[in-house]
Amino acid sequence: MEVYHASSVCVSRPDTAHSRQYLDFGVGFYVTTLREQAIKYGERFLRRGRPAVLNIYDWKQPLSLWNVLEFKVYDEAWLDFFMECRAGRMVGDYDVVIGGIANDKVFRTMDLYFAGDINKQECL
């Protein structure tokens, strides 16, 4: 299966050492199976005057070899996990987390929830 990672540099091997903290699913190396999503993310680099590189990897290992957490929908479990990770707290000991990340629209809602301006049900 091909997975994609947008960056301002060529990343020959996935690496978590350069990951930022406070991301949607915590520290990690983020990839997507959606080529267009990665390309769109790479446009952020171009807008900042930096190069955009679409890194492509061939994922061959079955997910059954990993400790996987998967969110199929944006629900309360996803929200709780997301909020803990965004606060810098590690949740569980997962090798792979699969699920939707917060695009700009979702993230604005999350900010309102994080600030206490809306409750969990309004956020969901």
C-alpha atoms as a PDB file:
ATOM      1  CA  MET A   1       0.000   0.000   0.000  1.00  0.00           C
ATOM      2  CA  GLU A   2       1.361   3.439  -0.865  1.00  0.00           C
ATOM      3  CA  VAL A   3       1.377   6.057   1.872  1.00  0.00           C
ATOM      4  CA  TYR A   4       2.346   9.703   1.525  1.00  0.00           C
ATOM      5  CA  HIS A   5       4.091  12.282   3.682  1.00  0.00           C
ATOM      6  CA  ALA A   6       4.394  15.934   2.735  1.00  0.00           C
ATOM      7  CA  SER A   7       7.443  17.837   3.911  1.00  0.00           C
ATOM      8  CA  SER A   8       9.786  20.617   2.926  1.00  0.00           C
ATOM      9  CA  VAL A   9      12.554  18.036   2.505  1.00  0.00           C
ATOM     10  CA  CYS A  10      13.002  14.567   1.105  1.00  0.00           C
ATOM     11  CA  VAL A  11      12.573  12.046   3.917  1.00  0.00           C
ATOM     12  CA  SER A  12      14.114   8.809   2.725  1.00  0.00           C
ATOM     13  CA  ARG A  13      12.997   6.850   5.789  1.00  0.00           C
ATOM     14  CA  PRO A  14      10.134   7.647   8.157  1.00  0.00           C
ATOM     15  CA  ASP A  15      11.518   9.108  11.338  1.00  0.00           C
ATOM     16  CA  THR A  16       9.886  10.265  14.558  1.00  0.00           C
ATOM     17  CA  ALA A  17      12.969  12.041  15.897  1.00  0.00           C
ATOM     18  CA  HIS A  18      11.956  15.266  14.133  1.00  0.00           C
ATOM     19  CA  SER A  19       8.287  15.139  15.110  1.00  0.00           C
ATOM     20  CA  ARG A  20       6.686  18.101  16.806  1.00  0.00           C
ATOM     21  CA  GLN A  21       4.805  17.703  20.064  1.00  0.00           C
ATOM     22  CA  TYR A  22       1.133  18.514  20.615  1.00  0.00           C
ATOM     23  CA  LEU A  23      -0.031  16.975  17.332  1.00  0.00           C
ATOM     24  CA  ASP A  24      -3.416  15.325  16.706  1.00  0.00           C
ATOM     25  CA  PHE A  25      -2.198  11.829  17.607  1.00  0.00           C
ATOM     26  CA  GLY A  26       0.900  12.826  19.553  1.00  0.00           C
ATOM     27  CA  VAL A  27       4.531  12.608  18.553  1.00  0.00           C
ATOM     28  CA  GLY A  28       4.939  10.477  15.460  1.00  0.00           C
ATOM     29  CA  PHE A  29       5.468  10.246  11.747  1.00  0.00           C
ATOM     30  CA  TYR A  30       2.248  11.152   9.947  1.00  0.00           C
ATOM     31  CA  VAL A  31       1.295   9.578   6.638  1.00  0.00           C
ATOM     32  CA  THR A  32      -1.884   9.306   4.621  1.00  0.00           C
ATOM     33  CA  THR A  33      -3.168   6.911   2.014  1.00  0.00           C
ATOM     34  CA  LEU A  34      -4.790   9.913   0.310  1.00  0.00           C
ATOM     35  CA  ARG A  35      -2.336  11.364  -2.214  1.00  0.00           C
ATOM     36  CA  GLU A  36      -4.387  14.545  -2.715  1.00  0.00           C
ATOM     37  CA  GLN A  37      -4.490  15.167   1.038  1.00  0.00           C
ATOM     38  CA  ALA A  38      -0.688  15.017   1.206  1.00  0.00           C
ATOM     39  CA  ILE A  39      -0.349  17.326  -1.799  1.00  0.00           C
ATOM     40  CA  LYS A  40      -2.725  19.833  -0.230  1.00  0.00           C
ATOM     41  CA  TYR A  41      -0.784  19.690   3.035  1.00  0.00           C
ATOM     42  CA  GLY A  42       2.431  20.320   1.097  1.00  0.00           C
ATOM     43  CA  GLU A  43       0.952  23.566  -0.222  1.00  0.00           C
ATOM     44  CA  ARG A  44       1.462  24.988   3.280  1.00  0.00           C
ATOM     45  CA  PHE A  45       5.214  24.864   2.671  1.00  0.00           C
ATOM     46  CA  LEU A  46       4.885  26.604  -0.683  1.00  0.00           C
ATOM     47  CA  ARG A  47       2.835  29.420   0.872  1.00  0.00           C
ATOM     48  CA  ARG A  48       5.720  29.975   3.302  1.00  0.00           C
ATOM     49  CA  GLY A  49       8.261  30.169   0.477  1.00  0.00           C
ATOM     50  CA  ARG A  50       9.692  26.734   1.168  1.00  0.00           C
ATOM     51  CA  PRO A  51       9.908  23.729  -1.136  1.00  0.00           C
ATOM     52  CA  ALA A  52       7.218  21.062  -0.968  1.00  0.00           C
ATOM     53  CA  VAL A  53       8.202  17.415  -1.303  1.00  0.00           C
ATOM     54  CA  LEU A  54       5.758  14.548  -1.604  1.00  0.00           C
ATOM     55  CA  ASN A  55       7.462  11.565   0.014  1.00  0.00           C
ATOM     56  CA  ILE A  56       6.015   8.212  -1.065  1.00  0.00           C
ATOM     57  CA  TYR A  57       6.500   4.957   0.829  1.00  0.00           C
ATOM     58  CA  ASP A  58       5.427   1.404   0.075  1.00  0.00           C
ATOM     59  CA  TRP A  59       3.950   0.013   3.317  1.00  0.00           C
ATOM     60  CA  LYS A  60       4.331  -3.764   3.100  1.00  0.00           C
ATOM     61  CA  GLN A  61       3.952  -4.922   6.686  1.00  0.00           C
ATOM     62  CA  PRO A  62       0.544  -6.146   7.834  1.00  0.00           C
ATOM     63  CA  LEU A  63      -1.009  -3.958  10.501  1.00  0.00           C
ATOM     64  CA  SER A  64      -1.503  -7.086  12.613  1.00  0.00           C
ATOM     65  CA  LEU A  65       2.224  -6.877  13.485  1.00  0.00           C
ATOM     66  CA  TRP A  66       1.680  -3.532  15.243  1.00  0.00           C
ATOM     67  CA  ASN A  67      -0.198  -2.243  18.264  1.00  0.00           C
ATOM     68  CA  VAL A  68      -2.876  -0.295  16.347  1.00  0.00           C
ATOM     69  CA  LEU A  69      -5.528   2.123  17.535  1.00  0.00           C
ATOM     70  CA  GLU A  70      -8.101   2.955  14.884  1.00  0.00           C
ATOM     71  CA  PHE A  71     -10.797   5.615  14.925  1.00  0.00           C
ATOM     72  CA  LYS A  72     -13.375   4.993  12.221  1.00  0.00           C
ATOM     73  CA  VAL A  73     -15.405   8.120  13.044  1.00  0.00           C
ATOM     74  CA  TYR A  74     -15.055  11.443  14.807  1.00  0.00           C
ATOM     75  CA  ASP A  75     -16.637  10.393  18.087  1.00  0.00           C
ATOM     76  CA  GLU A  76     -16.134  10.877  21.819  1.00  0.00           C
ATOM     77  CA  ALA A  77     -13.251   8.369  21.970  1.00  0.00           C
ATOM     78  CA  TRP A  78     -11.481  10.193  19.097  1.00  0.00           C
ATOM     79  CA  LEU A  79     -12.098  13.571  20.745  1.00  0.00           C
ATOM     80  CA  ASP A  80     -10.749  12.426  24.120  1.00  0.00           C
ATOM     81  CA  PHE A  81      -7.639  10.917  22.532  1.00  0.00           C
ATOM     82  CA  PHE A  82      -7.099  13.992  20.350  1.00  0.00           C
ATOM     83  CA  MET A  83      -7.418  16.395  23.291  1.00  0.00           C
ATOM     84  CA  GLU A  84      -4.961  14.417  25.412  1.00  0.00           C
ATOM     85  CA  CYS A  85      -2.421  14.334  22.574  1.00  0.00           C
ATOM     86  CA  ARG A  86      -2.885  18.041  21.799  1.00  0.00           C
ATOM     87  CA  ALA A  87      -2.241  18.757  25.492  1.00  0.00           C
ATOM     88  CA  GLY A  88       1.070  16.899  25.205  1.00  0.00           C
ATOM     89  CA  ARG A  89       0.002  13.804  27.125  1.00  0.00           C
ATOM     90  CA  MET A  90       0.727  10.388  25.639  1.00  0.00           C
ATOM     91  CA  VAL A  91      -2.238   8.029  25.649  1.00  0.00           C
ATOM     92  CA  GLY A  92      -1.448   4.332  25.436  1.00  0.00           C
ATOM     93  CA  ASP A  93       1.511   2.683  23.802  1.00  0.00           C
ATOM     94  CA  TYR A  94       0.456   2.521  20.163  1.00  0.00           C
ATOM     95  CA  ASP A  95       2.708   1.890  17.191  1.00  0.00           C
ATOM     96  CA  VAL A  96       0.115   3.078  14.675  1.00  0.00           C
ATOM     97  CA  VAL A  97      -2.895   5.355  15.110  1.00  0.00           C
ATOM     98  CA  ILE A  98      -5.379   5.459  12.250  1.00  0.00           C
ATOM     99  CA  GLY A  99      -8.078   8.052  11.981  1.00  0.00           C
ATOM    100  CA  GLY A 100      -9.122  11.463  10.838  1.00  0.00           C
ATOM    101  CA  ILE A 101      -6.976  14.404  11.733  1.00  0.00           C
ATOM    102  CA  ALA A 102      -8.208  17.925  12.365  1.00  0.00           C
ATOM    103  CA  ASN A 103      -8.367  20.036   9.241  1.00  0.00           C
ATOM    104  CA  ASP A 104      -8.682  23.822   9.662  1.00  0.00           C
ATOM    105  CA  LYS A 105     -12.456  23.670  10.114  1.00  0.00           C
ATOM    106  CA  VAL A 106     -12.304  20.869  12.691  1.00  0.00           C
ATOM    107  CA  PHE A 107      -9.382  22.501  14.480  1.00  0.00           C
ATOM    108  CA  ARG A 108     -11.291  25.784  14.991  1.00  0.00           C
ATOM    109  CA  THR A 109     -14.009  23.768  16.725  1.00  0.00           C
ATOM    110  CA  MET A 110     -11.402  21.945  18.814  1.00  0.00           C
ATOM    111  CA  ASP A 111      -9.911  25.272  19.896  1.00  0.00           C
ATOM    112  CA  LEU A 112     -13.316  26.390  21.158  1.00  0.00           C
ATOM    113  CA  TYR A 113     -13.676  23.148  23.106  1.00  0.00           C
ATOM    114  CA  PHE A 114     -10.103  23.274  24.441  1.00  0.00           C
ATOM    115  CA  ALA A 115     -10.716  26.852  25.666  1.00  0.00           C
ATOM    116  CA  GLY A 116     -13.958  25.792  27.381  1.00  0.00           C
ATOM    117  CA  ASP A 117     -16.144  27.971  25.129  1.00  0.00           C
ATOM    118  CA  ILE A 118     -18.245  24.973  24.025  1.00  0.00           C
ATOM    119  CA  ASN A 119     -18.965  21.659  25.712  1.00  0.00           C
ATOM    120  CA  LYS A 120     -18.106  18.170  24.456  1.00  0.00           C
ATOM    121  CA  GLN A 121     -21.518  17.546  22.880  1.00  0.00           C
ATOM    122  CA  GLU A 122     -21.392  20.864  20.990  1.00  0.00           C
ATOM    123  CA  CYS A 123     -17.906  20.011  19.789  1.00  0.00           C
ATOM    124  CA  LEU A 124     -18.972  16.590  18.557  1.00  0.00           C
END
